[in-house]
Amino acid sequence: MGSNLPALRHTLRENEHAAAPIDIPDAVSVSIQSTTLGPALFRCWPFLCFLARLVTHLEAEAAPLASYAAIFACLRAALANNFTALTVSERQTLQGVLDRRFAAFADSMVVLDFFLAPFWGQVRARLSVVLWGSRSLKQMRGMAVARNCGSDTGARTALMEKLAAFTALEASHAVLPRNQNVHPALWWRLRGATFRLLQPVAVRLLAMPP
């Protein structure tokens, strides 16, 4: 990425003298011309490579819908606890970008899917109360339940109770044996009968690609 900077700067110079110049935002021009951009990109390189690998998983049609929320949460956690070569302000800047991106178009049903997918228990336990914009993942999950149940308060209460029971089971490490690598939608078909109220919702949501 850093090796592209000379070409980008050349493009900016050519654009300044073009008969019909492209409208390039000032912030972009300033960033490209900055003498600190190259070193900053070099420091961010391990994180950017990590991000690229995660995006590859999102683009794979075999990935469950829950991967969308999970990857944003994992990226945010990774920036908080790893990549210590980055300064605190750089990590906070990247976290802010993730926050705004996720909050801009995150659907509550995607978050509900995240809470239904096995494998992600530890991530949810740590990040379910972190705010994305003005809402936490727990709040977005509640919005999804309300959206599913409408005015039926009994169904809403029952669904939330089953979600809590599933979370408790997962916390006991009983949901997925470590040696059983199955797609979450298949897990719900095979082992979700205990949670009959959640099973059809989980199977349908987890079968959707991100």
N, C-alpha and C. Protein backbone atom coordinates (compact mmCIF):
# COMPACT_ATOMS: atom_id res chain seq x y z
N MET A 1 0.83 -1.20 0.00
CA MET A 1 0.00 0.00 0.00
C MET A 1 0.86 1.26 0.00
N GLY A 2 1.92 1.25 0.85
CA GLY A 2 2.80 2.40 0.89
C GLY A 2 3.49 2.65 -0.43
N SER A 3 3.77 1.58 -1.18
CA SER A 3 4.45 1.74 -2.47
C SER A 3 3.57 2.44 -3.50
N ASN A 4 2.27 2.54 -3.25
CA ASN A 4 1.37 3.22 -4.18
C ASN A 4 1.37 4.74 -3.99
N LEU A 5 1.96 5.23 -2.90
CA LEU A 5 1.90 6.66 -2.62
C LEU A 5 2.52 7.52 -3.72
N PRO A 6 3.71 7.17 -4.26
CA PRO A 6 4.25 8.00 -5.35
C PRO A 6 3.29 8.12 -6.53
N ALA A 7 2.65 7.01 -6.89
CA ALA A 7 1.70 7.05 -8.01
C ALA A 7 0.50 7.94 -7.68
N LEU A 8 0.02 7.86 -6.44
CA LEU A 8 -1.12 8.69 -6.04
C LEU A 8 -0.74 10.17 -6.07
N ARG A 9 0.47 10.49 -5.60
CA ARG A 9 0.91 11.89 -5.62
C ARG A 9 1.08 12.40 -7.05
N HIS A 10 1.57 11.53 -7.92
CA HIS A 10 1.69 11.90 -9.34
C HIS A 10 0.32 12.16 -9.94
N THR A 11 -0.66 11.33 -9.58
CA THR A 11 -2.03 11.52 -10.07
C THR A 11 -2.59 12.86 -9.60
N LEU A 12 -2.30 13.23 -8.36
CA LEU A 12 -2.77 14.53 -7.84
C LEU A 12 -2.18 15.68 -8.64
N ARG A 13 -0.87 15.60 -8.93
CA ARG A 13 -0.22 16.67 -9.69
C ARG A 13 -0.81 16.78 -11.10
N GLU A 14 -1.03 15.62 -11.71
CA GLU A 14 -1.63 15.65 -13.06
C GLU A 14 -3.03 16.21 -13.03
N ASN A 15 -3.77 15.88 -11.99
CA ASN A 15 -5.16 16.34 -11.88
C ASN A 15 -5.23 17.86 -11.74
N GLU A 16 -4.22 18.45 -11.06
CA GLU A 16 -4.22 19.90 -10.88
C GLU A 16 -4.12 20.65 -12.20
N HIS A 17 -3.48 20.03 -13.18
CA HIS A 17 -3.27 20.69 -14.48
C HIS A 17 -4.17 20.13 -15.58
N ALA A 18 -5.09 19.27 -15.21
CA ALA A 18 -5.98 18.68 -16.21
C ALA A 18 -7.02 19.69 -16.68
N ALA A 19 -7.46 19.52 -17.94
CA ALA A 19 -8.48 20.42 -18.48
C ALA A 19 -9.81 20.25 -17.74
N ALA A 20 -10.11 19.03 -17.36
CA ALA A 20 -11.33 18.75 -16.60
C ALA A 20 -10.93 17.94 -15.36
N PRO A 21 -10.43 18.60 -14.33
CA PRO A 21 -9.92 17.87 -13.16
C PRO A 21 -11.03 17.14 -12.41
N ILE A 22 -10.63 16.03 -11.80
CA ILE A 22 -11.54 15.26 -10.95
C ILE A 22 -11.69 15.99 -9.62
N ASP A 23 -12.88 15.99 -9.09
CA ASP A 23 -13.13 16.63 -7.80
C ASP A 23 -12.64 15.70 -6.68
N ILE A 24 -11.48 16.01 -6.15
CA ILE A 24 -10.90 15.19 -5.08
C ILE A 24 -11.05 15.96 -3.76
N PRO A 25 -11.66 15.36 -2.75
CA PRO A 25 -11.83 16.06 -1.47
C PRO A 25 -10.49 16.53 -0.92
N ASP A 26 -10.50 17.71 -0.31
CA ASP A 26 -9.27 18.28 0.23
C ASP A 26 -8.62 17.34 1.24
N ALA A 27 -9.45 16.66 2.06
CA ALA A 27 -8.90 15.77 3.08
C ALA A 27 -8.10 14.64 2.46
N VAL A 28 -8.55 14.15 1.29
CA VAL A 28 -7.83 13.09 0.60
C VAL A 28 -6.49 13.60 0.08
N SER A 29 -6.51 14.78 -0.53
CA SER A 29 -5.27 15.37 -1.06
C SER A 29 -4.25 15.61 0.04
N VAL A 30 -4.72 16.16 1.16
CA VAL A 30 -3.82 16.44 2.29
C VAL A 30 -3.22 15.15 2.82
N SER A 31 -4.03 14.10 2.93
CA SER A 31 -3.55 12.82 3.45
C SER A 31 -2.48 12.23 2.54
N ILE A 32 -2.71 12.27 1.23
CA ILE A 32 -1.77 11.68 0.28
C ILE A 32 -0.45 12.44 0.27
N GLN A 33 -0.52 13.75 0.42
CA GLN A 33 0.68 14.58 0.40
C GLN A 33 1.43 14.58 1.73
N SER A 34 0.79 14.10 2.78
CA SER A 34 1.39 14.13 4.11
C SER A 34 2.66 13.30 4.17
N THR A 35 3.68 13.84 4.83
CA THR A 35 4.93 13.10 4.98
C THR A 35 4.84 12.02 6.05
N THR A 36 3.77 12.06 6.83
CA THR A 36 3.61 11.05 7.90
C THR A 36 2.76 9.87 7.45
N LEU A 37 2.17 9.93 6.26
CA LEU A 37 1.27 8.87 5.83
C LEU A 37 2.01 7.54 5.62
N GLY A 38 3.18 7.61 4.97
CA GLY A 38 3.93 6.38 4.71
C GLY A 38 4.28 5.62 5.98
N PRO A 39 4.91 6.28 6.97
CA PRO A 39 5.21 5.58 8.23
C PRO A 39 3.95 5.07 8.94
N ALA A 40 2.85 5.85 8.88
CA ALA A 40 1.61 5.41 9.52
C ALA A 40 1.07 4.15 8.86
N LEU A 41 1.13 4.10 7.53
CA LEU A 41 0.67 2.90 6.81
C LEU A 41 1.54 1.70 7.18
N PHE A 42 2.84 1.94 7.32
CA PHE A 42 3.74 0.84 7.68
C PHE A 42 3.38 0.29 9.05
N ARG A 43 3.06 1.18 10.00
CA ARG A 43 2.68 0.71 11.34
C ARG A 43 1.34 -0.01 11.31
N CYS A 44 0.44 0.42 10.44
CA CYS A 44 -0.90 -0.18 10.36
C CYS A 44 -0.92 -1.47 9.53
N TRP A 45 0.18 -1.77 8.86
CA TRP A 45 0.18 -2.88 7.91
C TRP A 45 -0.27 -4.20 8.51
N PRO A 46 0.20 -4.61 9.71
CA PRO A 46 -0.29 -5.89 10.26
C PRO A 46 -1.80 -5.89 10.46
N PHE A 47 -2.36 -4.76 10.92
CA PHE A 47 -3.80 -4.70 11.12
C PHE A 47 -4.53 -4.74 9.79
N LEU A 48 -4.02 -4.04 8.79
CA LEU A 48 -4.67 -4.02 7.48
C LEU A 48 -4.65 -5.40 6.84
N CYS A 49 -3.56 -6.16 7.04
CA CYS A 49 -3.52 -7.54 6.52
C CYS A 49 -4.54 -8.41 7.24
N PHE A 50 -4.66 -8.22 8.54
CA PHE A 50 -5.65 -8.95 9.33
C PHE A 50 -7.05 -8.62 8.83
N LEU A 51 -7.30 -7.33 8.58
CA LEU A 51 -8.60 -6.89 8.08
C LEU A 51 -8.89 -7.54 6.72
N ALA A 52 -7.90 -7.59 5.85
CA ALA A 52 -8.10 -8.17 4.52
C ALA A 52 -8.48 -9.64 4.62
N ARG A 53 -7.85 -10.38 5.54
CA ARG A 53 -8.19 -11.80 5.70
C ARG A 53 -9.62 -11.96 6.19
N LEU A 54 -10.03 -11.09 7.11
CA LEU A 54 -11.40 -11.19 7.61
C LEU A 54 -12.41 -10.85 6.53
N VAL A 55 -12.11 -9.85 5.71
CA VAL A 55 -13.02 -9.49 4.62
C VAL A 55 -13.17 -10.65 3.65
N THR A 56 -12.09 -11.40 3.43
CA THR A 56 -12.16 -12.57 2.57
C THR A 56 -13.19 -13.57 3.10
N HIS A 57 -13.23 -13.75 4.41
CA HIS A 57 -14.22 -14.65 5.01
C HIS A 57 -15.63 -14.11 4.83
N LEU A 58 -15.79 -12.80 4.97
CA LEU A 58 -17.12 -12.21 4.78
C LEU A 58 -17.62 -12.41 3.36
N GLU A 59 -16.72 -12.33 2.40
CA GLU A 59 -17.13 -12.42 1.00
C GLU A 59 -17.40 -13.86 0.57
N ALA A 60 -16.99 -14.82 1.38
CA ALA A 60 -17.25 -16.22 1.06
C ALA A 60 -18.72 -16.55 1.33
N GLU A 61 -19.38 -17.12 0.37
CA GLU A 61 -20.80 -17.38 0.52
C GLU A 61 -21.08 -18.43 1.59
N ALA A 62 -20.06 -19.19 1.96
CA ALA A 62 -20.26 -20.22 2.98
C ALA A 62 -20.28 -19.64 4.39
N ALA A 63 -19.85 -18.39 4.54
CA ALA A 63 -19.82 -17.78 5.87
C ALA A 63 -21.25 -17.44 6.31
N PRO A 64 -21.57 -17.70 7.57
CA PRO A 64 -22.91 -17.36 8.06
C PRO A 64 -23.07 -15.85 8.23
N LEU A 65 -24.31 -15.41 8.26
CA LEU A 65 -24.61 -13.99 8.40
C LEU A 65 -24.01 -13.43 9.68
N ALA A 66 -23.92 -14.24 10.73
CA ALA A 66 -23.38 -13.78 12.00
C ALA A 66 -21.94 -13.29 11.87
N SER A 67 -21.23 -13.74 10.83
CA SER A 67 -19.84 -13.34 10.66
C SER A 67 -19.70 -11.84 10.52
N TYR A 68 -20.71 -11.19 9.99
CA TYR A 68 -20.65 -9.75 9.77
C TYR A 68 -20.47 -9.01 11.08
N ALA A 69 -21.36 -9.23 12.03
CA ALA A 69 -21.24 -8.58 13.33
C ALA A 69 -20.03 -9.09 14.10
N ALA A 70 -19.75 -10.37 13.98
CA ALA A 70 -18.64 -10.96 14.72
C ALA A 70 -17.31 -10.37 14.30
N ILE A 71 -17.12 -10.17 13.00
CA ILE A 71 -15.84 -9.66 12.53
C ILE A 71 -15.64 -8.21 12.96
N PHE A 72 -16.69 -7.41 12.91
CA PHE A 72 -16.57 -6.04 13.42
C PHE A 72 -16.19 -6.05 14.90
N ALA A 73 -16.82 -6.92 15.67
CA ALA A 73 -16.54 -7.00 17.10
C ALA A 73 -15.11 -7.48 17.35
N CYS A 74 -14.66 -8.47 16.58
CA CYS A 74 -13.30 -8.99 16.74
C CYS A 74 -12.26 -7.94 16.36
N LEU A 75 -12.52 -7.20 15.31
CA LEU A 75 -11.59 -6.14 14.92
C LEU A 75 -11.47 -5.10 16.02
N ARG A 76 -12.61 -4.75 16.59
CA ARG A 76 -12.58 -3.74 17.65
C ARG A 76 -11.83 -4.26 18.87
N ALA A 77 -12.05 -5.51 19.23
CA ALA A 77 -11.34 -6.10 20.36
C ALA A 77 -9.85 -6.20 20.07
N ALA A 78 -9.50 -6.57 18.83
CA ALA A 78 -8.08 -6.69 18.47
C ALA A 78 -7.37 -5.35 18.58
N LEU A 79 -8.03 -4.29 18.20
CA LEU A 79 -7.42 -2.97 18.29
C LEU A 79 -7.26 -2.53 19.74
N ALA A 80 -8.14 -3.00 20.60
CA ALA A 80 -8.05 -2.62 22.01
C ALA A 80 -6.92 -3.35 22.73
N ASN A 81 -6.59 -4.56 22.27
CA ASN A 81 -5.68 -5.41 23.05
C ASN A 81 -4.43 -5.86 22.31
N ASN A 82 -4.37 -5.63 21.01
CA ASN A 82 -3.22 -6.08 20.21
C ASN A 82 -2.72 -4.93 19.33
N PHE A 83 -1.85 -5.26 18.39
CA PHE A 83 -1.28 -4.25 17.49
C PHE A 83 -0.69 -3.08 18.28
N THR A 84 0.12 -3.43 19.26
CA THR A 84 0.67 -2.40 20.15
C THR A 84 1.73 -1.52 19.47
N ALA A 85 2.14 -1.88 18.25
CA ALA A 85 3.05 -1.00 17.51
C ALA A 85 2.33 0.29 17.11
N LEU A 86 1.00 0.22 17.03
CA LEU A 86 0.22 1.43 16.75
C LEU A 86 0.09 2.26 18.02
N THR A 87 0.06 3.57 17.84
CA THR A 87 -0.16 4.43 19.00
C THR A 87 -1.60 4.31 19.46
N VAL A 88 -1.87 4.75 20.67
CA VAL A 88 -3.23 4.71 21.20
C VAL A 88 -4.17 5.51 20.31
N SER A 89 -3.73 6.68 19.88
CA SER A 89 -4.60 7.52 19.05
C SER A 89 -4.89 6.87 17.70
N GLU A 90 -3.89 6.17 17.13
CA GLU A 90 -4.12 5.48 15.86
C GLU A 90 -5.12 4.35 16.03
N ARG A 91 -4.99 3.60 17.12
CA ARG A 91 -5.95 2.51 17.35
C ARG A 91 -7.34 3.06 17.60
N GLN A 92 -7.43 4.16 18.34
CA GLN A 92 -8.74 4.77 18.60
C GLN A 92 -9.36 5.31 17.31
N THR A 93 -8.53 5.83 16.42
CA THR A 93 -9.04 6.31 15.13
C THR A 93 -9.63 5.16 14.32
N LEU A 94 -8.91 4.04 14.27
CA LEU A 94 -9.40 2.88 13.54
C LEU A 94 -10.67 2.32 14.18
N GLN A 95 -10.72 2.31 15.51
CA GLN A 95 -11.94 1.86 16.20
C GLN A 95 -13.11 2.77 15.88
N GLY A 96 -12.85 4.07 15.80
CA GLY A 96 -13.91 5.01 15.45
C GLY A 96 -14.47 4.77 14.06
N VAL A 97 -13.57 4.43 13.12
CA VAL A 97 -14.01 4.11 11.75
C VAL A 97 -14.91 2.88 11.76
N LEU A 98 -14.48 1.84 12.49
CA LEU A 98 -15.30 0.63 12.59
C LEU A 98 -16.65 0.94 13.22
N ASP A 99 -16.64 1.73 14.27
CA ASP A 99 -17.87 2.10 14.97
C ASP A 99 -18.85 2.77 14.02
N ARG A 100 -18.37 3.78 13.29
CA ARG A 100 -19.26 4.53 12.38
C ARG A 100 -19.75 3.64 11.23
N ARG A 101 -18.85 2.80 10.73
CA ARG A 101 -19.22 1.93 9.60
C ARG A 101 -20.30 0.93 10.01
N PHE A 102 -20.10 0.31 11.17
CA PHE A 102 -21.06 -0.68 11.63
C PHE A 102 -22.39 -0.03 11.97
N ALA A 103 -22.35 1.10 12.69
CA ALA A 103 -23.57 1.77 13.11
C ALA A 103 -24.37 2.31 11.93
N ALA A 104 -23.68 2.58 10.83
CA ALA A 104 -24.35 3.19 9.67
C ALA A 104 -25.33 2.25 8.99
N PHE A 105 -25.02 0.94 8.97
CA PHE A 105 -25.92 0.04 8.24
C PHE A 105 -26.10 -1.32 8.89
N ALA A 106 -25.80 -1.41 10.18
CA ALA A 106 -26.02 -2.68 10.86
C ALA A 106 -27.51 -2.91 11.07
N ASP A 107 -27.99 -4.07 10.70
CA ASP A 107 -29.38 -4.42 10.88
C ASP A 107 -29.52 -5.23 12.17
N SER A 108 -30.57 -4.97 12.92
CA SER A 108 -30.75 -5.67 14.19
C SER A 108 -30.87 -7.19 14.01
N MET A 109 -31.39 -7.63 12.86
CA MET A 109 -31.52 -9.06 12.61
C MET A 109 -30.14 -9.72 12.46
N VAL A 110 -29.17 -8.97 11.93
CA VAL A 110 -27.81 -9.48 11.83
C VAL A 110 -27.25 -9.69 13.23
N VAL A 111 -27.54 -8.75 14.13
CA VAL A 111 -27.05 -8.86 15.51
C VAL A 111 -27.72 -10.03 16.23
N LEU A 112 -29.02 -10.23 16.00
CA LEU A 112 -29.70 -11.39 16.58
C LEU A 112 -29.04 -12.67 16.09
N ASP A 113 -28.71 -12.72 14.82
CA ASP A 113 -28.02 -13.87 14.25
C ASP A 113 -26.69 -14.11 14.96
N PHE A 114 -25.98 -13.04 15.26
CA PHE A 114 -24.72 -13.11 15.99
C PHE A 114 -24.90 -13.76 17.37
N PHE A 115 -26.02 -13.44 18.03
CA PHE A 115 -26.29 -14.00 19.35
C PHE A 115 -26.75 -15.45 19.27
N LEU A 116 -27.16 -15.89 18.10
CA LEU A 116 -27.62 -17.27 17.93
C LEU A 116 -26.52 -18.20 17.43
N ALA A 117 -25.43 -17.63 16.93
CA ALA A 117 -24.39 -18.45 16.32
C ALA A 117 -23.44 -19.00 17.37
N PRO A 118 -23.28 -20.32 17.44
CA PRO A 118 -22.24 -20.88 18.30
C PRO A 118 -20.87 -20.36 17.83
N PHE A 119 -19.85 -20.62 18.59
CA PHE A 119 -18.47 -20.21 18.33
C PHE A 119 -18.14 -18.82 18.89
N TRP A 120 -19.15 -17.92 18.98
CA TRP A 120 -18.84 -16.51 19.27
C TRP A 120 -19.13 -16.11 20.72
N GLY A 121 -19.30 -17.07 21.59
CA GLY A 121 -19.67 -16.77 22.97
C GLY A 121 -18.70 -15.85 23.69
N GLN A 122 -17.41 -16.10 23.56
CA GLN A 122 -16.44 -15.27 24.26
C GLN A 122 -16.43 -13.85 23.73
N VAL A 123 -16.61 -13.70 22.43
CA VAL A 123 -16.65 -12.34 21.85
C VAL A 123 -17.87 -11.59 22.36
N ARG A 124 -19.01 -12.26 22.35
CA ARG A 124 -20.24 -11.59 22.82
C ARG A 124 -20.14 -11.21 24.29
N ALA A 125 -19.57 -12.09 25.10
CA ALA A 125 -19.48 -11.82 26.53
C ALA A 125 -18.66 -10.56 26.79
N ARG A 126 -17.66 -10.32 25.97
CA ARG A 126 -16.78 -9.17 26.18
C ARG A 126 -17.32 -7.90 25.55
N LEU A 127 -18.05 -8.02 24.45
CA LEU A 127 -18.37 -6.83 23.66
C LEU A 127 -19.86 -6.57 23.51
N SER A 128 -20.71 -7.34 24.16
CA SER A 128 -22.16 -7.15 23.96
C SER A 128 -22.66 -5.82 24.49
N VAL A 129 -21.92 -5.19 25.43
CA VAL A 129 -22.38 -3.92 25.99
C VAL A 129 -21.64 -2.72 25.40
N VAL A 130 -20.65 -2.96 24.54
CA VAL A 130 -19.93 -1.86 23.90
C VAL A 130 -20.87 -1.14 22.94
N LEU A 131 -20.82 0.19 22.96
CA LEU A 131 -21.73 0.96 22.11
C LEU A 131 -21.20 1.03 20.68
N TRP A 132 -22.12 0.83 19.74
CA TRP A 132 -21.86 1.05 18.32
C TRP A 132 -22.78 2.20 17.92
N GLY A 133 -22.22 3.38 17.79
CA GLY A 133 -23.09 4.55 17.68
C GLY A 133 -23.70 4.80 19.05
N SER A 134 -25.00 4.74 19.13
CA SER A 134 -25.70 4.97 20.40
C SER A 134 -26.28 3.69 20.99
N ARG A 135 -26.02 2.54 20.32
CA ARG A 135 -26.65 1.29 20.76
C ARG A 135 -25.62 0.18 20.97
N SER A 136 -25.89 -0.67 21.94
CA SER A 136 -25.04 -1.83 22.16
C SER A 136 -25.59 -3.01 21.37
N LEU A 137 -24.79 -4.07 21.26
CA LEU A 137 -25.27 -5.27 20.59
C LEU A 137 -26.47 -5.87 21.31
N LYS A 138 -26.46 -5.81 22.64
CA LYS A 138 -27.61 -6.31 23.40
C LYS A 138 -28.87 -5.53 23.06
N GLN A 139 -28.75 -4.22 22.95
CA GLN A 139 -29.92 -3.40 22.61
C GLN A 139 -30.42 -3.72 21.20
N MET A 140 -29.49 -3.91 20.28
CA MET A 140 -29.90 -4.25 18.91
C MET A 140 -30.54 -5.63 18.84
N ARG A 141 -30.05 -6.55 19.68
CA ARG A 141 -30.68 -7.87 19.75
C ARG A 141 -32.11 -7.73 20.23
N GLY A 142 -32.35 -6.91 21.26
CA GLY A 142 -33.70 -6.68 21.75
C GLY A 142 -34.60 -6.09 20.69
N MET A 143 -34.05 -5.19 19.87
CA MET A 143 -34.82 -4.60 18.77
C MET A 143 -35.24 -5.66 17.77
N ALA A 144 -34.34 -6.61 17.51
CA ALA A 144 -34.67 -7.68 16.56
C ALA A 144 -35.76 -8.58 17.11
N VAL A 145 -35.69 -8.89 18.41
CA VAL A 145 -36.73 -9.72 19.02
C VAL A 145 -38.08 -9.01 18.95
N ALA A 146 -38.07 -7.71 19.26
CA ALA A 146 -39.31 -6.93 19.19
C ALA A 146 -39.86 -6.89 17.76
N ARG A 147 -38.96 -6.80 16.80
CA ARG A 147 -39.36 -6.78 15.39
C ARG A 147 -40.00 -8.11 14.98
N ASN A 148 -39.45 -9.21 15.49
CA ASN A 148 -40.00 -10.53 15.18
C ASN A 148 -41.36 -10.76 15.81
N CYS A 149 -41.51 -10.26 17.05
CA CYS A 149 -42.71 -10.60 17.84
C CYS A 149 -43.82 -9.56 17.72
N GLY A 150 -43.50 -8.37 17.25
CA GLY A 150 -44.53 -7.35 17.13
C GLY A 150 -45.15 -7.00 18.47
N SER A 151 -46.45 -7.01 18.53
CA SER A 151 -47.17 -6.63 19.76
C SER A 151 -47.37 -7.81 20.71
N ASP A 152 -46.89 -8.99 20.35
CA ASP A 152 -47.06 -10.17 21.20
C ASP A 152 -46.00 -10.16 22.30
N THR A 153 -46.32 -9.56 23.43
CA THR A 153 -45.36 -9.44 24.53
C THR A 153 -45.00 -10.80 25.14
N GLY A 154 -45.94 -11.73 25.10
CA GLY A 154 -45.66 -13.07 25.61
C GLY A 154 -44.59 -13.76 24.80
N ALA A 155 -44.70 -13.66 23.48
CA ALA A 155 -43.70 -14.27 22.60
C ALA A 155 -42.35 -13.59 22.79
N ARG A 156 -42.36 -12.27 22.98
CA ARG A 156 -41.11 -11.55 23.18
C ARG A 156 -40.42 -12.01 24.46
N THR A 157 -41.19 -12.15 25.53
CA THR A 157 -40.62 -12.61 26.80
C THR A 157 -40.06 -14.02 26.67
N ALA A 158 -40.81 -14.89 26.01
CA ALA A 158 -40.38 -16.28 25.85
C ALA A 158 -39.10 -16.37 25.01
N LEU A 159 -39.04 -15.57 23.96
CA LEU A 159 -37.87 -15.59 23.09
C LEU A 159 -36.63 -15.09 23.82
N MET A 160 -36.79 -14.04 24.61
CA MET A 160 -35.66 -13.52 25.39
C MET A 160 -35.20 -14.53 26.43
N GLU A 161 -36.14 -15.25 27.04
CA GLU A 161 -35.78 -16.28 28.02
C GLU A 161 -34.98 -17.40 27.36
N LYS A 162 -35.39 -17.79 26.15
CA LYS A 162 -34.68 -18.86 25.44
C LYS A 162 -33.29 -18.38 25.02
N LEU A 163 -33.19 -17.13 24.62
CA LEU A 163 -31.88 -16.58 24.27
C LEU A 163 -30.95 -16.59 25.48
N ALA A 164 -31.50 -16.23 26.65
CA ALA A 164 -30.70 -16.26 27.87
C ALA A 164 -30.27 -17.67 28.22
N ALA A 165 -31.16 -18.65 28.03
CA ALA A 165 -30.83 -20.04 28.31
C ALA A 165 -29.75 -20.55 27.36
N PHE A 166 -29.83 -20.16 26.09
CA PHE A 166 -28.82 -20.56 25.12
C PHE A 166 -27.46 -19.96 25.48
N THR A 167 -27.46 -18.70 25.89
CA THR A 167 -26.22 -18.04 26.29
C THR A 167 -25.60 -18.74 27.50
N ALA A 168 -26.44 -19.12 28.45
CA ALA A 168 -25.94 -19.81 29.64
C ALA A 168 -25.34 -21.17 29.28
N LEU A 169 -26.00 -21.88 28.37
CA LEU A 169 -25.48 -23.18 27.94
C LEU A 169 -24.15 -23.01 27.23
N GLU A 170 -24.08 -22.00 26.41
CA GLU A 170 -22.84 -21.73 25.67
C GLU A 170 -21.71 -21.37 26.63
N ALA A 171 -22.04 -20.59 27.66
CA ALA A 171 -21.02 -20.20 28.64
C ALA A 171 -20.47 -21.40 29.39
N SER A 172 -21.26 -22.47 29.46
CA SER A 172 -20.79 -23.68 30.14
C SER A 172 -19.93 -24.55 29.23
N HIS A 173 -19.67 -24.05 28.00
CA HIS A 173 -18.85 -24.75 27.00
C HIS A 173 -19.50 -26.06 26.55
N ALA A 174 -20.81 -26.13 26.65
CA ALA A 174 -21.50 -27.37 26.27
C ALA A 174 -22.14 -27.28 24.89
N VAL A 175 -22.11 -26.13 24.26
CA VAL A 175 -22.81 -25.97 22.99
C VAL A 175 -22.09 -26.69 21.86
N LEU A 176 -20.83 -26.39 21.68
CA LEU A 176 -20.08 -27.00 20.59
C LEU A 176 -18.80 -27.65 21.08
N PRO A 177 -18.70 -28.97 21.02
CA PRO A 177 -17.42 -29.60 21.33
C PRO A 177 -16.33 -29.04 20.42
N ARG A 178 -15.16 -28.86 20.94
CA ARG A 178 -14.09 -28.21 20.18
C ARG A 178 -13.72 -28.99 18.91
N ASN A 179 -13.95 -30.29 18.91
CA ASN A 179 -13.56 -31.09 17.76
C ASN A 179 -14.68 -31.24 16.73
N GLN A 180 -15.76 -30.50 16.90
CA GLN A 180 -16.88 -30.60 15.96
C GLN A 180 -17.01 -29.29 15.19
N ASN A 181 -16.52 -29.30 13.97
CA ASN A 181 -16.50 -28.09 13.16
C ASN A 181 -17.65 -28.16 12.14
N VAL A 182 -18.79 -27.59 12.49
CA VAL A 182 -19.96 -27.61 11.61
C VAL A 182 -20.45 -26.19 11.42
N HIS A 183 -21.14 -25.99 10.31
CA HIS A 183 -21.75 -24.68 10.04
C HIS A 183 -22.82 -24.42 11.10
N PRO A 184 -22.93 -23.18 11.61
CA PRO A 184 -23.92 -22.88 12.66
C PRO A 184 -25.35 -23.27 12.28
N ALA A 185 -25.72 -23.07 11.02
CA ALA A 185 -27.08 -23.45 10.60
C ALA A 185 -27.28 -24.96 10.74
N LEU A 186 -26.25 -25.73 10.39
CA LEU A 186 -26.35 -27.19 10.53
C LEU A 186 -26.39 -27.58 12.00
N TRP A 187 -25.60 -26.87 12.84
CA TRP A 187 -25.65 -27.18 14.27
C TRP A 187 -27.07 -27.01 14.80
N TRP A 188 -27.76 -25.95 14.41
CA TRP A 188 -29.12 -25.72 14.91
C TRP A 188 -30.07 -26.79 14.40
N ARG A 189 -29.86 -27.28 13.19
CA ARG A 189 -30.72 -28.36 12.67
C ARG A 189 -30.48 -29.66 13.45
N LEU A 190 -29.22 -29.92 13.78
CA LEU A 190 -28.88 -31.18 14.42
C LEU A 190 -29.08 -31.17 15.93
N ARG A 191 -28.79 -30.02 16.57
CA ARG A 191 -28.74 -29.99 18.02
C ARG A 191 -29.61 -28.91 18.64
N GLY A 192 -30.40 -28.23 17.85
CA GLY A 192 -31.16 -27.10 18.37
C GLY A 192 -32.55 -27.44 18.86
N ALA A 193 -32.90 -28.71 18.89
CA ALA A 193 -34.27 -29.08 19.29
C ALA A 193 -34.58 -28.69 20.72
N THR A 194 -33.55 -28.55 21.54
CA THR A 194 -33.76 -28.14 22.93
C THR A 194 -34.38 -26.75 23.00
N PHE A 195 -34.09 -25.95 21.98
CA PHE A 195 -34.60 -24.57 21.93
C PHE A 195 -35.54 -24.44 20.73
N ARG A 196 -36.69 -25.08 20.85
CA ARG A 196 -37.62 -25.15 19.71
C ARG A 196 -38.10 -23.78 19.26
N LEU A 197 -38.20 -22.84 20.17
CA LEU A 197 -38.65 -21.50 19.81
C LEU A 197 -37.58 -20.76 19.00
N LEU A 198 -36.31 -21.02 19.32
CA LEU A 198 -35.21 -20.36 18.63
C LEU A 198 -34.81 -21.07 17.34
N GLN A 199 -35.03 -22.37 17.29
CA GLN A 199 -34.49 -23.17 16.18
C GLN A 199 -34.89 -22.66 14.80
N PRO A 200 -36.17 -22.42 14.51
CA PRO A 200 -36.51 -21.97 13.15
C PRO A 200 -35.94 -20.60 12.83
N VAL A 201 -35.87 -19.72 13.82
CA VAL A 201 -35.29 -18.39 13.60
C VAL A 201 -33.81 -18.53 13.29
N ALA A 202 -33.11 -19.33 14.08
CA ALA A 202 -31.67 -19.49 13.90
C ALA A 202 -31.33 -20.13 12.56
N VAL A 203 -32.05 -21.18 12.19
CA VAL A 203 -31.77 -21.88 10.94
C VAL A 203 -31.96 -20.93 9.76
N ARG A 204 -33.01 -20.16 9.81
CA ARG A 204 -33.28 -19.25 8.69
C ARG A 204 -32.23 -18.14 8.59
N LEU A 205 -31.90 -17.51 9.73
CA LEU A 205 -30.95 -16.42 9.70
C LEU A 205 -29.53 -16.88 9.37
N LEU A 206 -29.12 -17.99 10.00
CA LEU A 206 -27.75 -18.46 9.82
C LEU A 206 -27.50 -19.04 8.43
N ALA A 207 -28.55 -19.35 7.71
CA ALA A 207 -28.40 -19.87 6.35
C ALA A 207 -28.13 -18.75 5.35
N MET A 208 -28.32 -17.47 5.77
CA MET A 208 -28.11 -16.35 4.86
C MET A 208 -26.63 -15.96 4.84
N PRO A 209 -26.05 -15.76 3.66
CA PRO A 209 -24.65 -15.29 3.60
C PRO A 209 -24.58 -13.80 3.93
N PRO A 210 -23.43 -13.34 4.40
CA PRO A 210 -23.33 -11.93 4.77
C PRO A 210 -23.25 -11.00 3.58
